Amino acid sequence: MANRKISDLTALTAPASGDLLPIVDISEAAAADKNKKITIQSLFQGIPVNVGIGTSSPAVNLDVVSATGTRIRSSYTNDSGSRDAGFEIYGDISGSFATRASFTYTGNSGLTSLGSSLDLAFSTASTERARIDSSGRLLVGTSADSGGALLQVNGDRIRIGTAKTPASATATGTTGEIAWDANYIYVCTATNTWKRTAIATW
């Protein structure tokens, strides 16, 4: 076959793993068997596991390096032609979390950023919904710690959706567990030690 440019070749619209790709070995250009072939499956198996973007020495499977700004962004073009952000990661969400800044999902209203904050925030429709702060506290409905508890919910109720009735005061349990049924609220005050209080009507 005469030499042809890649742009002249017919597009392969539905490649299968057993399809063959022709290869010209430049080092054997003068040899009779210079045209070789490889399957698509074998070609992709030979791709290195580590991929580096902005670095020639990736430290993990996907390593994205940038001096400033957003590290990873996924977005799409909406009906009006402008680009809406799907999600954005800034900083390093890994290991010690020493340099993490924010993970944000904001729907169609643009991105909100925590700047150099060491917190990890989750937002929808440009409104923050939850945050893990630099001390490991989970803040739901608020961005500010109050009282130091590891779980803080800024709302007028919390819900445990399934009833549970411990079999006895010595049923298996871990200190701090809370359960309920139609008649009592149960609290495990020590390992395998439950106490309960009756629920009154009014």
N, C-alpha and C. Protein backbone atom coordinates (compact mmCIF):
# COMPACT_ATOMS: atom_id res chain seq x y z
N MET A 1 0.86 -1.21 0.00
CA MET A 1 0.00 0.00 0.00
C MET A 1 0.88 1.24 0.00
N ALA A 2 0.57 2.18 -0.83
CA ALA A 2 1.35 3.42 -0.89
C ALA A 2 1.18 4.21 0.41
N ASN A 3 2.17 5.06 0.67
CA ASN A 3 2.10 5.87 1.87
C ASN A 3 0.90 6.80 1.81
N ARG A 4 0.17 6.88 2.94
CA ARG A 4 -1.00 7.76 3.01
C ARG A 4 -0.98 8.52 4.33
N LYS A 5 -1.49 9.73 4.30
CA LYS A 5 -1.58 10.51 5.54
C LYS A 5 -2.70 9.95 6.40
N ILE A 6 -2.53 10.08 7.71
CA ILE A 6 -3.57 9.61 8.64
C ILE A 6 -4.89 10.29 8.34
N SER A 7 -4.85 11.56 7.95
CA SER A 7 -6.09 12.31 7.69
C SER A 7 -6.84 11.76 6.48
N ASP A 8 -6.15 10.97 5.64
CA ASP A 8 -6.80 10.40 4.46
C ASP A 8 -7.48 9.07 4.75
N LEU A 9 -7.20 8.49 5.91
CA LEU A 9 -7.74 7.17 6.22
C LEU A 9 -9.21 7.26 6.63
N THR A 10 -9.95 6.19 6.37
CA THR A 10 -11.36 6.13 6.77
C THR A 10 -11.46 5.96 8.28
N ALA A 11 -12.35 6.71 8.92
CA ALA A 11 -12.49 6.66 10.37
C ALA A 11 -13.04 5.30 10.81
N LEU A 12 -12.50 4.81 11.93
CA LEU A 12 -13.00 3.56 12.51
C LEU A 12 -14.02 3.94 13.57
N THR A 13 -15.30 3.76 13.24
CA THR A 13 -16.36 4.27 14.11
C THR A 13 -16.74 3.33 15.25
N ALA A 14 -16.48 2.04 15.09
CA ALA A 14 -16.85 1.08 16.13
C ALA A 14 -15.71 0.09 16.35
N PRO A 15 -14.59 0.54 16.94
CA PRO A 15 -13.45 -0.35 17.10
C PRO A 15 -13.74 -1.49 18.07
N ALA A 16 -13.20 -2.66 17.75
CA ALA A 16 -13.29 -3.83 18.64
C ALA A 16 -11.89 -4.19 19.09
N SER A 17 -11.81 -4.92 20.20
CA SER A 17 -10.51 -5.22 20.79
C SER A 17 -9.62 -6.02 19.85
N GLY A 18 -10.21 -6.79 18.92
CA GLY A 18 -9.42 -7.60 18.01
C GLY A 18 -9.06 -6.93 16.71
N ASP A 19 -9.54 -5.69 16.48
CA ASP A 19 -9.19 -4.98 15.26
C ASP A 19 -7.69 -4.72 15.21
N LEU A 20 -7.13 -4.66 13.99
CA LEU A 20 -5.70 -4.49 13.81
C LEU A 20 -5.37 -3.08 13.34
N LEU A 21 -4.25 -2.55 13.85
CA LEU A 21 -3.73 -1.27 13.41
C LEU A 21 -2.39 -1.50 12.72
N PRO A 22 -2.15 -0.92 11.53
CA PRO A 22 -0.85 -1.08 10.88
C PRO A 22 0.19 -0.18 11.53
N ILE A 23 1.42 -0.67 11.62
CA ILE A 23 2.52 0.09 12.19
C ILE A 23 3.72 -0.01 11.26
N VAL A 24 4.38 1.12 11.00
CA VAL A 24 5.62 1.12 10.22
C VAL A 24 6.78 1.32 11.20
N ASP A 25 7.66 0.31 11.28
CA ASP A 25 8.80 0.37 12.17
C ASP A 25 9.91 1.18 11.50
N ILE A 26 10.13 2.41 11.97
CA ILE A 26 11.11 3.31 11.36
C ILE A 26 12.51 2.71 11.41
N SER A 27 12.80 1.97 12.50
CA SER A 27 14.14 1.40 12.64
C SER A 27 14.41 0.31 11.61
N GLU A 28 13.36 -0.22 10.97
CA GLU A 28 13.53 -1.28 9.97
C GLU A 28 13.01 -0.80 8.60
N ALA A 29 13.17 0.45 8.33
CA ALA A 29 12.59 1.04 7.10
C ALA A 29 13.10 0.36 5.84
N ALA A 30 14.33 -0.16 5.90
CA ALA A 30 14.90 -0.80 4.72
C ALA A 30 14.59 -2.29 4.65
N ALA A 31 14.00 -2.83 5.72
CA ALA A 31 13.74 -4.27 5.77
C ALA A 31 12.47 -4.60 5.00
N ALA A 32 12.37 -5.83 4.55
CA ALA A 32 11.20 -6.26 3.79
C ALA A 32 9.96 -6.32 4.66
N ASP A 33 10.15 -6.61 5.96
CA ASP A 33 9.02 -6.78 6.87
C ASP A 33 8.86 -5.55 7.77
N LYS A 34 8.89 -4.38 7.15
CA LYS A 34 8.80 -3.16 7.95
C LYS A 34 7.37 -2.86 8.37
N ASN A 35 6.37 -3.38 7.66
CA ASN A 35 4.97 -3.15 8.03
C ASN A 35 4.53 -4.23 9.01
N LYS A 36 4.12 -3.82 10.17
CA LYS A 36 3.70 -4.74 11.22
C LYS A 36 2.28 -4.38 11.65
N LYS A 37 1.74 -5.11 12.60
CA LYS A 37 0.38 -4.85 13.05
C LYS A 37 0.26 -5.15 14.54
N ILE A 38 -0.74 -4.52 15.15
CA ILE A 38 -1.02 -4.70 16.56
C ILE A 38 -2.52 -4.57 16.77
N THR A 39 -3.07 -5.33 17.71
CA THR A 39 -4.50 -5.20 18.00
C THR A 39 -4.73 -3.97 18.87
N ILE A 40 -5.95 -3.43 18.78
CA ILE A 40 -6.30 -2.28 19.61
C ILE A 40 -6.17 -2.63 21.09
N GLN A 41 -6.57 -3.86 21.45
CA GLN A 41 -6.47 -4.28 22.85
C GLN A 41 -5.02 -4.26 23.33
N SER A 42 -4.11 -4.80 22.53
CA SER A 42 -2.70 -4.83 22.92
C SER A 42 -2.12 -3.42 22.99
N LEU A 43 -2.57 -2.54 22.09
CA LEU A 43 -2.09 -1.17 22.08
C LEU A 43 -2.41 -0.47 23.39
N PHE A 44 -3.65 -0.59 23.85
CA PHE A 44 -4.06 0.09 25.08
C PHE A 44 -3.49 -0.58 26.32
N GLN A 45 -3.21 -1.88 26.25
CA GLN A 45 -2.58 -2.54 27.38
C GLN A 45 -1.17 -2.02 27.61
N GLY A 46 -0.57 -1.48 26.55
CA GLY A 46 0.79 -0.98 26.67
C GLY A 46 0.88 0.45 27.16
N ILE A 47 -0.27 1.10 27.36
CA ILE A 47 -0.25 2.48 27.85
C ILE A 47 0.16 2.48 29.32
N PRO A 48 1.09 3.34 29.74
CA PRO A 48 1.50 3.38 31.15
C PRO A 48 0.33 3.64 32.07
N VAL A 49 0.40 3.05 33.29
CA VAL A 49 -0.67 3.21 34.27
C VAL A 49 -0.73 4.65 34.76
N ASN A 50 0.43 5.27 34.98
CA ASN A 50 0.46 6.64 35.52
C ASN A 50 0.32 7.66 34.40
N VAL A 51 -0.54 8.67 34.64
CA VAL A 51 -0.74 9.76 33.70
C VAL A 51 -0.42 11.07 34.41
N GLY A 52 0.43 11.87 33.81
CA GLY A 52 0.78 13.15 34.40
C GLY A 52 0.33 14.28 33.52
N ILE A 53 -0.36 15.26 34.11
CA ILE A 53 -0.77 16.48 33.41
C ILE A 53 -0.07 17.64 34.11
N GLY A 54 0.80 18.31 33.39
CA GLY A 54 1.58 19.38 33.99
C GLY A 54 2.81 18.86 34.72
N THR A 55 3.08 17.56 34.61
CA THR A 55 4.26 16.98 35.22
C THR A 55 4.73 15.79 34.38
N SER A 56 6.03 15.61 34.30
CA SER A 56 6.58 14.47 33.58
C SER A 56 6.88 13.30 34.50
N SER A 57 6.63 13.49 35.79
CA SER A 57 6.89 12.43 36.78
C SER A 57 5.67 12.25 37.68
N PRO A 58 4.58 11.65 37.16
CA PRO A 58 3.38 11.47 37.98
C PRO A 58 3.65 10.57 39.18
N ALA A 59 3.17 10.99 40.35
CA ALA A 59 3.39 10.24 41.58
C ALA A 59 2.28 9.25 41.86
N VAL A 60 1.11 9.45 41.24
CA VAL A 60 -0.04 8.56 41.41
C VAL A 60 -0.61 8.28 40.02
N ASN A 61 -1.67 7.46 39.95
CA ASN A 61 -2.22 7.06 38.65
C ASN A 61 -2.60 8.26 37.79
N LEU A 62 -3.23 9.26 38.39
CA LEU A 62 -3.55 10.51 37.69
C LEU A 62 -3.03 11.65 38.53
N ASP A 63 -2.03 12.35 38.04
CA ASP A 63 -1.37 13.42 38.79
C ASP A 63 -1.50 14.71 38.01
N VAL A 64 -2.30 15.66 38.54
CA VAL A 64 -2.52 16.94 37.86
C VAL A 64 -1.79 18.01 38.65
N VAL A 65 -0.85 18.69 38.02
CA VAL A 65 -0.03 19.68 38.69
C VAL A 65 -0.23 21.04 38.04
N SER A 66 -0.47 22.07 38.88
CA SER A 66 -0.63 23.43 38.37
C SER A 66 -0.12 24.38 39.44
N ALA A 67 0.57 25.43 39.01
CA ALA A 67 1.13 26.36 39.98
C ALA A 67 0.05 27.14 40.70
N THR A 68 -1.02 27.50 40.00
CA THR A 68 -2.10 28.28 40.60
C THR A 68 -3.43 27.84 40.03
N GLY A 69 -4.49 28.25 40.69
CA GLY A 69 -5.83 28.07 40.15
C GLY A 69 -6.39 26.67 40.31
N THR A 70 -7.47 26.43 39.57
CA THR A 70 -8.20 25.17 39.66
C THR A 70 -7.36 24.03 39.12
N ARG A 71 -7.36 22.89 39.82
CA ARG A 71 -6.61 21.73 39.37
C ARG A 71 -7.44 20.86 38.43
N ILE A 72 -8.71 20.60 38.77
CA ILE A 72 -9.57 19.76 37.95
C ILE A 72 -10.93 20.43 37.83
N ARG A 73 -11.48 20.45 36.63
CA ARG A 73 -12.83 21.01 36.43
C ARG A 73 -13.57 20.17 35.41
N SER A 74 -14.84 19.90 35.70
CA SER A 74 -15.73 19.26 34.74
C SER A 74 -16.89 20.21 34.49
N SER A 75 -17.14 20.52 33.23
CA SER A 75 -18.21 21.48 32.93
C SER A 75 -18.88 21.12 31.62
N TYR A 76 -19.96 21.81 31.31
CA TYR A 76 -20.67 21.56 30.07
C TYR A 76 -21.23 22.88 29.54
N THR A 77 -21.54 22.93 28.27
CA THR A 77 -22.11 24.11 27.65
C THR A 77 -23.63 23.99 27.66
N ASN A 78 -24.30 24.97 28.26
CA ASN A 78 -25.77 24.91 28.36
C ASN A 78 -26.44 25.42 27.09
N ASP A 79 -27.75 25.48 27.11
CA ASP A 79 -28.51 25.85 25.91
C ASP A 79 -28.22 27.26 25.42
N SER A 80 -27.81 28.14 26.32
CA SER A 80 -27.55 29.52 25.91
C SER A 80 -26.13 29.72 25.41
N GLY A 81 -25.32 28.64 25.44
CA GLY A 81 -23.97 28.73 24.92
C GLY A 81 -22.91 29.03 25.95
N SER A 82 -23.32 29.37 27.18
CA SER A 82 -22.33 29.62 28.23
C SER A 82 -21.99 28.32 28.95
N ARG A 83 -20.87 28.32 29.61
CA ARG A 83 -20.39 27.09 30.24
C ARG A 83 -20.77 27.06 31.71
N ASP A 84 -21.40 25.96 32.13
CA ASP A 84 -21.76 25.77 33.52
C ASP A 84 -20.81 24.75 34.13
N ALA A 85 -20.42 24.97 35.36
CA ALA A 85 -19.50 24.06 36.03
C ALA A 85 -20.24 22.89 36.64
N GLY A 86 -19.74 21.69 36.43
CA GLY A 86 -20.31 20.51 37.07
C GLY A 86 -19.70 20.31 38.44
N PHE A 87 -18.37 20.18 38.50
CA PHE A 87 -17.70 20.18 39.78
C PHE A 87 -16.28 20.68 39.59
N GLU A 88 -15.68 21.13 40.67
CA GLU A 88 -14.33 21.69 40.62
C GLU A 88 -13.56 21.25 41.85
N ILE A 89 -12.31 20.89 41.64
CA ILE A 89 -11.43 20.54 42.76
C ILE A 89 -10.26 21.50 42.74
N TYR A 90 -9.96 22.08 43.88
CA TYR A 90 -8.83 23.00 43.98
C TYR A 90 -7.96 22.55 45.14
N GLY A 91 -6.69 22.39 44.90
CA GLY A 91 -5.81 21.94 45.97
C GLY A 91 -5.61 20.45 45.93
N ASP A 92 -5.26 19.86 47.05
CA ASP A 92 -4.88 18.46 47.12
C ASP A 92 -5.82 17.71 48.05
N ILE A 93 -6.74 16.89 47.47
CA ILE A 93 -7.63 16.09 48.30
C ILE A 93 -7.01 14.70 48.40
N SER A 94 -6.14 14.52 49.36
CA SER A 94 -5.43 13.26 49.48
C SER A 94 -4.72 13.20 50.82
N GLY A 95 -4.30 11.99 51.19
CA GLY A 95 -3.39 11.77 52.31
C GLY A 95 -3.67 12.62 53.53
N SER A 96 -2.74 13.53 53.84
CA SER A 96 -2.83 14.32 55.06
C SER A 96 -3.78 15.50 54.93
N PHE A 97 -4.28 15.78 53.75
CA PHE A 97 -5.16 16.92 53.50
C PHE A 97 -4.46 18.24 53.84
N ALA A 98 -3.14 18.25 53.81
CA ALA A 98 -2.41 19.44 54.27
C ALA A 98 -2.68 20.67 53.42
N THR A 99 -2.95 20.49 52.12
CA THR A 99 -3.11 21.65 51.25
C THR A 99 -4.46 21.69 50.56
N ARG A 100 -5.44 20.98 51.08
CA ARG A 100 -6.73 20.94 50.39
C ARG A 100 -7.43 22.29 50.53
N ALA A 101 -8.27 22.60 49.58
CA ALA A 101 -9.00 23.86 49.67
C ALA A 101 -10.49 23.64 49.54
N SER A 102 -10.97 23.10 48.41
CA SER A 102 -12.42 22.98 48.31
C SER A 102 -12.83 22.01 47.22
N PHE A 103 -13.98 21.39 47.43
CA PHE A 103 -14.67 20.62 46.40
C PHE A 103 -16.06 21.22 46.31
N THR A 104 -16.44 21.68 45.14
CA THR A 104 -17.66 22.46 45.03
C THR A 104 -18.52 21.99 43.87
N TYR A 105 -19.80 21.78 44.12
CA TYR A 105 -20.76 21.57 43.05
C TYR A 105 -21.79 22.69 43.14
N THR A 106 -21.95 23.44 42.05
CA THR A 106 -22.80 24.63 42.14
C THR A 106 -23.86 24.72 41.07
N GLY A 107 -24.16 23.63 40.39
CA GLY A 107 -25.23 23.68 39.40
C GLY A 107 -24.98 24.71 38.33
N ASN A 108 -25.95 25.59 38.07
CA ASN A 108 -25.86 26.54 36.97
C ASN A 108 -25.46 27.94 37.39
N SER A 109 -25.03 28.11 38.64
CA SER A 109 -24.84 29.47 39.14
C SER A 109 -23.38 29.85 39.32
N GLY A 110 -22.48 29.12 38.70
CA GLY A 110 -21.07 29.46 38.82
C GLY A 110 -20.44 28.82 40.03
N LEU A 111 -19.12 29.00 40.16
CA LEU A 111 -18.39 28.33 41.22
C LEU A 111 -18.17 29.26 42.40
N THR A 112 -18.23 28.70 43.60
CA THR A 112 -17.83 29.42 44.80
C THR A 112 -16.57 28.75 45.32
N SER A 113 -15.65 29.53 45.82
CA SER A 113 -14.35 29.00 46.23
C SER A 113 -14.06 29.35 47.68
N LEU A 114 -13.34 28.45 48.35
CA LEU A 114 -12.92 28.72 49.72
C LEU A 114 -11.54 29.36 49.76
N GLY A 115 -11.00 29.66 48.60
CA GLY A 115 -9.69 30.28 48.57
C GLY A 115 -8.63 29.38 49.20
N SER A 116 -7.92 29.92 50.19
CA SER A 116 -6.85 29.16 50.82
C SER A 116 -7.31 28.43 52.08
N SER A 117 -8.61 28.36 52.30
CA SER A 117 -9.14 27.67 53.48
C SER A 117 -8.72 26.21 53.50
N LEU A 118 -8.52 25.65 54.69
CA LEU A 118 -8.18 24.25 54.83
C LEU A 118 -9.42 23.38 55.00
N ASP A 119 -10.60 23.97 54.82
CA ASP A 119 -11.84 23.21 54.94
C ASP A 119 -12.20 22.57 53.61
N LEU A 120 -13.08 21.56 53.69
CA LEU A 120 -13.60 20.90 52.50
C LEU A 120 -15.10 21.16 52.47
N ALA A 121 -15.59 21.89 51.46
CA ALA A 121 -16.98 22.32 51.44
C ALA A 121 -17.74 21.71 50.29
N PHE A 122 -19.04 21.48 50.49
CA PHE A 122 -19.93 20.94 49.47
C PHE A 122 -21.09 21.90 49.29
N SER A 123 -21.32 22.33 48.04
CA SER A 123 -22.36 23.31 47.76
C SER A 123 -23.24 22.85 46.63
N THR A 124 -24.50 23.29 46.62
CA THR A 124 -25.40 23.12 45.48
C THR A 124 -26.09 24.44 45.25
N ALA A 125 -26.28 24.79 43.96
CA ALA A 125 -26.96 26.04 43.58
C ALA A 125 -26.35 27.24 44.29
N SER A 126 -25.00 27.26 44.38
CA SER A 126 -24.24 28.37 44.97
C SER A 126 -24.49 28.54 46.46
N THR A 127 -25.08 27.56 47.12
CA THR A 127 -25.32 27.61 48.56
C THR A 127 -24.58 26.46 49.23
N GLU A 128 -23.77 26.79 50.22
CA GLU A 128 -23.03 25.75 50.93
C GLU A 128 -24.00 24.89 51.74
N ARG A 129 -23.86 23.56 51.62
CA ARG A 129 -24.75 22.63 52.32
C ARG A 129 -24.05 21.89 53.45
N ALA A 130 -22.76 21.61 53.30
CA ALA A 130 -22.02 20.87 54.33
C ALA A 130 -20.55 21.22 54.22
N ARG A 131 -19.83 20.98 55.32
CA ARG A 131 -18.40 21.31 55.36
C ARG A 131 -17.70 20.39 56.35
N ILE A 132 -16.52 19.93 55.97
CA ILE A 132 -15.62 19.28 56.91
C ILE A 132 -14.52 20.28 57.19
N ASP A 133 -14.41 20.74 58.44
CA ASP A 133 -13.44 21.79 58.72
C ASP A 133 -12.07 21.19 59.01
N SER A 134 -11.10 22.06 59.25
CA SER A 134 -9.71 21.62 59.39
C SER A 134 -9.49 20.77 60.64
N SER A 135 -10.46 20.75 61.56
CA SER A 135 -10.36 19.90 62.75
C SER A 135 -11.13 18.59 62.59
N GLY A 136 -11.70 18.35 61.40
CA GLY A 136 -12.41 17.11 61.15
C GLY A 136 -13.87 17.12 61.56
N ARG A 137 -14.41 18.28 61.91
CA ARG A 137 -15.82 18.36 62.28
C ARG A 137 -16.68 18.42 61.02
N LEU A 138 -17.81 17.69 61.03
CA LEU A 138 -18.78 17.73 59.94
C LEU A 138 -19.86 18.74 60.31
N LEU A 139 -19.93 19.81 59.53
CA LEU A 139 -20.90 20.88 59.77
C LEU A 139 -21.95 20.82 58.68
N VAL A 140 -23.21 20.62 59.06
CA VAL A 140 -24.30 20.51 58.10
C VAL A 140 -25.20 21.73 58.25
N GLY A 141 -25.37 22.48 57.17
CA GLY A 141 -26.23 23.66 57.22
C GLY A 141 -25.55 24.86 57.85
N THR A 142 -24.27 24.79 58.09
CA THR A 142 -23.53 25.91 58.67
C THR A 142 -22.07 25.80 58.25
N SER A 143 -21.38 26.92 58.19
CA SER A 143 -19.97 26.90 57.86
C SER A 143 -19.09 27.22 59.06
N ALA A 144 -19.72 27.42 60.24
CA ALA A 144 -18.97 27.82 61.43
C ALA A 144 -19.19 26.83 62.56
N ASP A 145 -18.10 26.45 63.21
CA ASP A 145 -18.17 25.56 64.37
C ASP A 145 -18.78 26.29 65.56
N SER A 146 -19.58 25.58 66.33
CA SER A 146 -20.15 26.13 67.56
C SER A 146 -20.22 25.03 68.60
N GLY A 147 -19.30 25.04 69.56
CA GLY A 147 -19.34 24.06 70.63
C GLY A 147 -18.33 22.93 70.48
N GLY A 148 -17.78 22.73 69.28
CA GLY A 148 -16.71 21.78 69.12
C GLY A 148 -17.10 20.34 68.85
N ALA A 149 -18.40 20.02 68.77
CA ALA A 149 -18.82 18.64 68.50
C ALA A 149 -18.41 18.24 67.09
N LEU A 150 -18.07 16.94 66.92
CA LEU A 150 -17.63 16.47 65.61
C LEU A 150 -18.74 16.51 64.57
N LEU A 151 -20.02 16.36 65.00
CA LEU A 151 -21.16 16.48 64.10
C LEU A 151 -22.05 17.61 64.57
N GLN A 152 -22.27 18.60 63.70
CA GLN A 152 -23.12 19.73 64.05
C GLN A 152 -24.13 19.95 62.93
N VAL A 153 -25.39 19.98 63.29
CA VAL A 153 -26.46 20.14 62.32
C VAL A 153 -27.20 21.43 62.64
N ASN A 154 -27.18 22.37 61.70
CA ASN A 154 -27.88 23.64 61.88
C ASN A 154 -29.26 23.51 61.26
N GLY A 155 -30.18 22.94 62.03
CA GLY A 155 -31.55 22.74 61.58
C GLY A 155 -32.42 22.48 62.79
N ASP A 156 -33.71 22.28 62.58
CA ASP A 156 -34.61 22.11 63.72
C ASP A 156 -34.97 20.66 63.98
N ARG A 157 -34.29 19.70 63.32
CA ARG A 157 -34.55 18.29 63.59
C ARG A 157 -33.45 17.43 62.98
N ILE A 158 -33.27 16.24 63.54
CA ILE A 158 -32.48 15.19 62.92
C ILE A 158 -33.36 13.94 62.88
N ARG A 159 -33.02 12.99 62.03
CA ARG A 159 -33.90 11.84 61.85
C ARG A 159 -33.11 10.54 61.83
N ILE A 160 -33.54 9.60 62.67
CA ILE A 160 -33.10 8.21 62.58
C ILE A 160 -34.29 7.46 62.01
N GLY A 161 -34.16 7.02 60.77
CA GLY A 161 -35.32 6.57 60.02
C GLY A 161 -35.88 5.22 60.39
N THR A 162 -35.14 4.37 61.11
CA THR A 162 -35.60 3.01 61.41
C THR A 162 -35.64 2.78 62.91
N ALA A 163 -36.75 2.24 63.38
CA ALA A 163 -36.90 1.94 64.81
C ALA A 163 -36.04 0.73 65.20
N LYS A 164 -35.59 0.72 66.44
CA LYS A 164 -34.82 -0.41 66.97
C LYS A 164 -35.17 -0.58 68.43
N THR A 165 -35.42 -1.81 68.83
CA THR A 165 -35.70 -2.12 70.23
C THR A 165 -34.64 -3.09 70.74
N PRO A 166 -33.70 -2.64 71.58
CA PRO A 166 -32.73 -3.56 72.15
C PRO A 166 -33.44 -4.70 72.88
N ALA A 167 -32.91 -5.92 72.76
CA ALA A 167 -33.58 -7.08 73.35
C ALA A 167 -33.65 -7.01 74.85
N SER A 168 -32.69 -6.38 75.50
CA SER A 168 -32.67 -6.26 76.96
C SER A 168 -31.71 -5.15 77.34
N ALA A 169 -31.59 -4.89 78.63
CA ALA A 169 -30.68 -3.85 79.11
C ALA A 169 -29.22 -4.23 78.87
N THR A 170 -28.95 -5.51 78.59
CA THR A 170 -27.58 -5.96 78.35
C THR A 170 -27.37 -6.42 76.90
N ALA A 171 -28.24 -5.98 76.01
CA ALA A 171 -28.11 -6.33 74.60
C ALA A 171 -26.81 -5.75 74.02
N THR A 172 -26.33 -6.33 72.95
CA THR A 172 -25.10 -5.86 72.32
C THR A 172 -25.23 -4.40 71.90
N GLY A 173 -24.26 -3.61 72.29
CA GLY A 173 -24.29 -2.20 71.94
C GLY A 173 -22.96 -1.54 72.23
N THR A 174 -22.73 -0.40 71.58
CA THR A 174 -21.51 0.37 71.76
C THR A 174 -21.86 1.70 72.39
N THR A 175 -21.03 2.14 73.33
CA THR A 175 -21.28 3.38 74.05
C THR A 175 -21.62 4.53 73.09
N GLY A 176 -22.74 5.18 73.35
CA GLY A 176 -23.15 6.33 72.55
C GLY A 176 -24.23 6.04 71.54
N GLU A 177 -24.54 4.77 71.31
CA GLU A 177 -25.63 4.45 70.36
C GLU A 177 -26.96 4.96 70.90
N ILE A 178 -27.80 5.42 69.98
CA ILE A 178 -29.13 5.90 70.32
C ILE A 178 -30.13 5.18 69.42
N ALA A 179 -31.24 4.73 69.98
CA ALA A 179 -32.27 4.05 69.22
C ALA A 179 -33.64 4.46 69.75
N TRP A 180 -34.68 4.10 69.01
CA TRP A 180 -36.04 4.44 69.44
C TRP A 180 -37.01 3.40 68.93
N ASP A 181 -38.15 3.31 69.61
CA ASP A 181 -39.31 2.59 69.09
C ASP A 181 -40.55 3.37 69.51
N ALA A 182 -41.73 2.79 69.39
CA ALA A 182 -42.97 3.53 69.66
C ALA A 182 -43.13 3.93 71.12
N ASN A 183 -42.38 3.28 72.02
CA ASN A 183 -42.59 3.50 73.45
C ASN A 183 -41.41 4.14 74.19
N TYR A 184 -40.19 3.95 73.68
CA TYR A 184 -39.02 4.38 74.43
C TYR A 184 -37.96 5.00 73.51
N ILE A 185 -37.10 5.79 74.13
CA ILE A 185 -35.82 6.19 73.53
C ILE A 185 -34.73 5.47 74.32
N TYR A 186 -33.82 4.80 73.59
CA TYR A 186 -32.78 3.99 74.22
C TYR A 186 -31.42 4.63 74.00
N VAL A 187 -30.56 4.58 75.04
CA VAL A 187 -29.20 5.07 74.93
C VAL A 187 -28.27 4.01 75.50
N CYS A 188 -27.24 3.67 74.74
CA CYS A 188 -26.22 2.72 75.22
C CYS A 188 -25.18 3.54 75.98
N THR A 189 -25.13 3.41 77.29
CA THR A 189 -24.27 4.25 78.14
C THR A 189 -22.91 3.63 78.40
N ALA A 190 -22.77 2.34 78.12
CA ALA A 190 -21.49 1.63 78.24
C ALA A 190 -21.61 0.39 77.36
N THR A 191 -20.52 -0.31 77.14
CA THR A 191 -20.56 -1.49 76.28
C THR A 191 -21.63 -2.47 76.76
N ASN A 192 -22.59 -2.81 75.89
CA ASN A 192 -23.66 -3.76 76.18
C ASN A 192 -24.49 -3.34 77.40
N THR A 193 -24.66 -2.04 77.57
CA THR A 193 -25.45 -1.51 78.69
C THR A 193 -26.39 -0.44 78.17
N TRP A 194 -27.70 -0.76 78.17
CA TRP A 194 -28.70 0.16 77.65
C TRP A 194 -29.55 0.73 78.76
N LYS A 195 -29.94 1.99 78.60
CA LYS A 195 -30.93 2.61 79.47
C LYS A 195 -32.02 3.18 78.56
N ARG A 196 -33.21 3.38 79.12
CA ARG A 196 -34.30 3.86 78.29
C ARG A 196 -35.17 4.83 79.07
N THR A 197 -35.88 5.67 78.33
CA THR A 197 -36.84 6.58 78.93
C THR A 197 -38.13 6.50 78.11
N ALA A 198 -39.25 6.53 78.82
CA ALA A 198 -40.54 6.40 78.14
C ALA A 198 -40.89 7.64 77.37
N ILE A 199 -41.60 7.44 76.25
CA ILE A 199 -42.08 8.55 75.44
C ILE A 199 -43.53 8.81 75.81
N ALA A 200 -43.82 10.02 76.29
CA ALA A 200 -45.19 10.34 76.70
C ALA A 200 -45.95 11.01 75.56
N THR A 201 -47.24 10.96 75.59
CA THR A 201 -48.09 11.65 74.63
C THR A 201 -48.60 12.94 75.25
N TRP A 202 -49.07 13.86 74.40
CA TRP A 202 -49.68 15.07 74.93
C TRP A 202 -50.73 15.59 73.97
